[in-house]
């Protein structure tokens, strides 16, 4: 693979990750899960809640993006 192709693939993967992250962040029902979590755990600060939520959204985005990359690579190897 040429360097230009690798750079293009990196850019596509980065845009894919940003899209997945943005969609999950926009669709995430923050208030509902905050109420459920605070009812089970008790008092939680906004900072702690934000740290937990952003980590979960980031982890899910990375896993979904890695899965898409794996599926795409598998399809390209077969075809």
N, C-alpha and C. Protein backbone atom coordinates (compact mmCIF):
# COMPACT_ATOMS: atom_id res chain seq x y z
N UNK A 1 0.84 -1.17 0.00
CA UNK A 1 0.00 0.00 0.00
C UNK A 1 0.89 1.24 0.00
N UNK A 2 0.57 2.17 -0.83
CA UNK A 2 1.36 3.39 -0.91
C UNK A 2 1.04 4.29 0.29
N UNK A 3 1.95 5.22 0.59
CA UNK A 3 1.68 6.14 1.71
C UNK A 3 0.41 6.96 1.51
N UNK A 4 0.12 7.35 0.28
CA UNK A 4 -1.10 8.12 0.02
C UNK A 4 -2.35 7.29 0.31
N UNK A 5 -2.31 6.01 -0.05
CA UNK A 5 -3.44 5.12 0.22
C UNK A 5 -3.61 4.92 1.72
N UNK A 6 -2.49 4.74 2.43
CA UNK A 6 -2.56 4.57 3.88
C UNK A 6 -3.12 5.83 4.55
N UNK A 7 -2.70 6.99 4.09
CA UNK A 7 -3.21 8.25 4.65
C UNK A 7 -4.70 8.40 4.36
N UNK A 8 -5.13 8.01 3.17
CA UNK A 8 -6.55 8.06 2.84
C UNK A 8 -7.37 7.12 3.69
N UNK A 9 -6.85 5.91 3.92
CA UNK A 9 -7.55 4.95 4.78
C UNK A 9 -7.63 5.47 6.21
N UNK A 10 -6.55 6.07 6.70
CA UNK A 10 -6.56 6.63 8.05
C UNK A 10 -7.61 7.73 8.16
N UNK A 11 -7.70 8.57 7.16
CA UNK A 11 -8.68 9.66 7.18
C UNK A 11 -10.10 9.11 7.17
N UNK A 12 -10.36 8.10 6.36
CA UNK A 12 -11.69 7.48 6.32
C UNK A 12 -12.03 6.85 7.67
N UNK A 13 -11.06 6.16 8.28
CA UNK A 13 -11.30 5.55 9.58
C UNK A 13 -11.55 6.60 10.65
N UNK A 14 -10.82 7.70 10.59
CA UNK A 14 -11.00 8.78 11.56
C UNK A 14 -12.37 9.43 11.41
N UNK A 15 -12.79 9.67 10.18
CA UNK A 15 -14.12 10.25 9.94
C UNK A 15 -15.20 9.27 10.39
N UNK A 16 -14.98 7.99 10.16
CA UNK A 16 -15.93 6.97 10.61
C UNK A 16 -16.06 6.99 12.13
N UNK A 17 -14.93 7.06 12.83
CA UNK A 17 -14.96 7.12 14.29
C UNK A 17 -15.69 8.37 14.77
N UNK A 18 -15.39 9.52 14.19
CA UNK A 18 -16.05 10.76 14.60
C UNK A 18 -17.55 10.70 14.36
N UNK A 19 -17.95 10.11 13.25
CA UNK A 19 -19.38 9.98 12.94
C UNK A 19 -20.08 9.09 13.96
N UNK A 20 -19.48 7.95 14.26
CA UNK A 20 -20.06 7.02 15.23
C UNK A 20 -20.15 7.69 16.60
N UNK A 21 -19.07 8.34 17.02
CA UNK A 21 -19.04 9.02 18.32
C UNK A 21 -20.12 10.09 18.39
N UNK A 22 -20.24 10.89 17.33
CA UNK A 22 -21.23 11.98 17.32
C UNK A 22 -22.66 11.45 17.38
N UNK A 23 -22.93 10.41 16.63
CA UNK A 23 -24.29 9.84 16.62
C UNK A 23 -24.65 9.28 17.99
N UNK A 24 -23.72 8.55 18.61
CA UNK A 24 -24.00 8.01 19.94
C UNK A 24 -24.16 9.15 20.95
N UNK A 25 -23.31 10.17 20.87
CA UNK A 25 -23.38 11.29 21.82
C UNK A 25 -24.70 12.04 21.69
N UNK A 26 -25.16 12.24 20.46
CA UNK A 26 -26.41 12.97 20.24
C UNK A 26 -27.61 12.12 20.68
N UNK A 27 -27.57 10.82 20.42
CA UNK A 27 -28.71 9.95 20.71
C UNK A 27 -28.75 9.46 22.16
N UNK A 28 -27.70 9.68 22.93
CA UNK A 28 -27.62 9.16 24.30
C UNK A 28 -28.57 9.93 25.21
N UNK A 29 -29.47 9.22 25.91
CA UNK A 29 -30.40 9.90 26.83
C UNK A 29 -29.74 10.19 28.18
N UNK A 30 -29.01 11.30 28.26
CA UNK A 30 -28.22 11.63 29.45
C UNK A 30 -29.06 11.72 30.72
N UNK A 31 -30.18 12.44 30.66
CA UNK A 31 -30.98 12.67 31.86
C UNK A 31 -31.56 11.37 32.42
N UNK A 32 -32.05 10.53 31.53
CA UNK A 32 -32.64 9.26 31.98
C UNK A 32 -31.60 8.40 32.68
N UNK A 33 -30.44 8.20 32.05
CA UNK A 33 -29.41 7.36 32.66
C UNK A 33 -28.82 8.00 33.91
N UNK A 34 -28.75 9.33 33.95
CA UNK A 34 -28.28 10.01 35.15
C UNK A 34 -29.23 9.73 36.31
N UNK A 35 -30.53 9.81 36.06
CA UNK A 35 -31.52 9.52 37.11
C UNK A 35 -31.42 8.07 37.59
N UNK A 36 -31.32 7.14 36.65
CA UNK A 36 -31.23 5.73 37.01
C UNK A 36 -29.95 5.46 37.80
N UNK A 37 -28.82 5.99 37.33
CA UNK A 37 -27.54 5.76 37.99
C UNK A 37 -27.51 6.40 39.37
N UNK A 38 -28.00 7.63 39.48
CA UNK A 38 -27.97 8.30 40.78
C UNK A 38 -28.95 7.66 41.77
N UNK A 39 -30.04 7.08 41.30
CA UNK A 39 -30.95 6.36 42.19
C UNK A 39 -30.29 5.11 42.76
N UNK A 40 -29.50 4.42 41.95
CA UNK A 40 -28.85 3.19 42.41
C UNK A 40 -27.62 3.47 43.26
N UNK A 41 -26.83 4.48 42.87
CA UNK A 41 -25.55 4.74 43.53
C UNK A 41 -25.69 5.78 44.63
N UNK A 42 -26.54 6.74 44.41
CA UNK A 42 -26.66 7.86 45.35
C UNK A 42 -26.16 9.12 44.67
N UNK A 43 -25.66 10.03 45.46
CA UNK A 43 -25.20 11.31 44.93
C UNK A 43 -23.99 11.12 44.02
N UNK A 44 -24.01 11.79 42.89
CA UNK A 44 -22.87 11.77 41.97
C UNK A 44 -22.73 13.17 41.39
N UNK A 45 -21.51 13.64 41.31
CA UNK A 45 -21.28 14.98 40.77
C UNK A 45 -21.36 14.96 39.25
N UNK A 46 -21.58 16.13 38.69
CA UNK A 46 -21.64 16.25 37.22
C UNK A 46 -20.31 15.84 36.59
N UNK A 47 -19.21 16.18 37.24
CA UNK A 47 -17.89 15.84 36.70
C UNK A 47 -17.70 14.33 36.66
N UNK A 48 -18.05 13.65 37.73
CA UNK A 48 -17.92 12.19 37.75
C UNK A 48 -18.83 11.55 36.71
N UNK A 49 -20.05 12.05 36.61
CA UNK A 49 -20.99 11.53 35.62
C UNK A 49 -20.45 11.74 34.21
N UNK A 50 -19.94 12.92 33.94
CA UNK A 50 -19.41 13.23 32.62
C UNK A 50 -18.23 12.32 32.28
N UNK A 51 -17.35 12.08 33.25
CA UNK A 51 -16.21 11.20 33.02
C UNK A 51 -16.66 9.78 32.68
N UNK A 52 -17.65 9.29 33.40
CA UNK A 52 -18.15 7.93 33.15
C UNK A 52 -18.80 7.84 31.77
N UNK A 53 -19.67 8.79 31.47
CA UNK A 53 -20.42 8.76 30.21
C UNK A 53 -19.49 8.90 29.01
N UNK A 54 -18.57 9.84 29.07
CA UNK A 54 -17.67 10.03 27.92
C UNK A 54 -16.77 8.82 27.71
N UNK A 55 -16.33 8.18 28.80
CA UNK A 55 -15.52 6.97 28.65
C UNK A 55 -16.33 5.86 27.99
N UNK A 56 -17.57 5.67 28.42
CA UNK A 56 -18.41 4.62 27.84
C UNK A 56 -18.68 4.90 26.36
N UNK A 57 -19.02 6.13 26.04
CA UNK A 57 -19.29 6.48 24.64
C UNK A 57 -18.03 6.30 23.80
N UNK A 58 -16.88 6.70 24.32
CA UNK A 58 -15.62 6.53 23.60
C UNK A 58 -15.31 5.06 23.38
N UNK A 59 -15.47 4.24 24.42
CA UNK A 59 -15.17 2.82 24.30
C UNK A 59 -16.10 2.14 23.29
N UNK A 60 -17.38 2.46 23.34
CA UNK A 60 -18.33 1.87 22.39
C UNK A 60 -18.00 2.31 20.97
N UNK A 61 -17.64 3.57 20.80
CA UNK A 61 -17.30 4.08 19.47
C UNK A 61 -16.07 3.38 18.91
N UNK A 62 -15.07 3.17 19.75
CA UNK A 62 -13.86 2.48 19.30
C UNK A 62 -14.18 1.04 18.90
N UNK A 63 -14.99 0.36 19.71
CA UNK A 63 -15.33 -1.03 19.40
C UNK A 63 -16.16 -1.14 18.12
N UNK A 64 -17.12 -0.25 17.93
CA UNK A 64 -17.93 -0.27 16.71
C UNK A 64 -17.06 0.03 15.50
N UNK A 65 -16.18 1.02 15.62
CA UNK A 65 -15.30 1.37 14.50
C UNK A 65 -14.35 0.22 14.18
N UNK A 66 -13.80 -0.43 15.20
CA UNK A 66 -12.92 -1.58 14.97
C UNK A 66 -13.68 -2.71 14.29
N UNK A 67 -14.92 -2.93 14.70
CA UNK A 67 -15.74 -3.95 14.05
C UNK A 67 -16.00 -3.64 12.59
N UNK A 68 -16.30 -2.37 12.30
CA UNK A 68 -16.51 -1.98 10.90
C UNK A 68 -15.23 -2.15 10.07
N UNK A 69 -14.10 -1.79 10.64
CA UNK A 69 -12.82 -1.97 9.93
C UNK A 69 -12.57 -3.45 9.67
N UNK A 70 -12.83 -4.30 10.67
CA UNK A 70 -12.64 -5.74 10.51
C UNK A 70 -13.55 -6.30 9.43
N UNK A 71 -14.82 -5.92 9.45
CA UNK A 71 -15.78 -6.40 8.44
C UNK A 71 -15.37 -5.94 7.05
N UNK A 72 -14.97 -4.69 6.93
CA UNK A 72 -14.54 -4.16 5.63
C UNK A 72 -13.29 -4.88 5.13
N UNK A 73 -12.33 -5.11 6.02
CA UNK A 73 -11.10 -5.80 5.63
C UNK A 73 -11.39 -7.24 5.21
N UNK A 74 -12.27 -7.90 5.94
CA UNK A 74 -12.63 -9.28 5.59
C UNK A 74 -13.31 -9.34 4.23
N UNK A 75 -14.20 -8.39 3.98
CA UNK A 75 -14.90 -8.36 2.69
C UNK A 75 -13.93 -8.07 1.54
N UNK A 76 -12.96 -7.20 1.78
CA UNK A 76 -11.99 -6.88 0.72
C UNK A 76 -11.05 -8.05 0.45
N UNK A 77 -10.73 -8.84 1.48
CA UNK A 77 -9.84 -9.98 1.29
C UNK A 77 -10.54 -11.09 0.50
N UNK A 78 -11.85 -11.24 0.71
CA UNK A 78 -12.61 -12.27 -0.01
C UNK A 78 -12.85 -11.89 -1.46
N UNK A 79 -13.01 -10.59 -1.71
CA UNK A 79 -13.39 -10.16 -3.05
C UNK A 79 -12.30 -9.67 -3.90
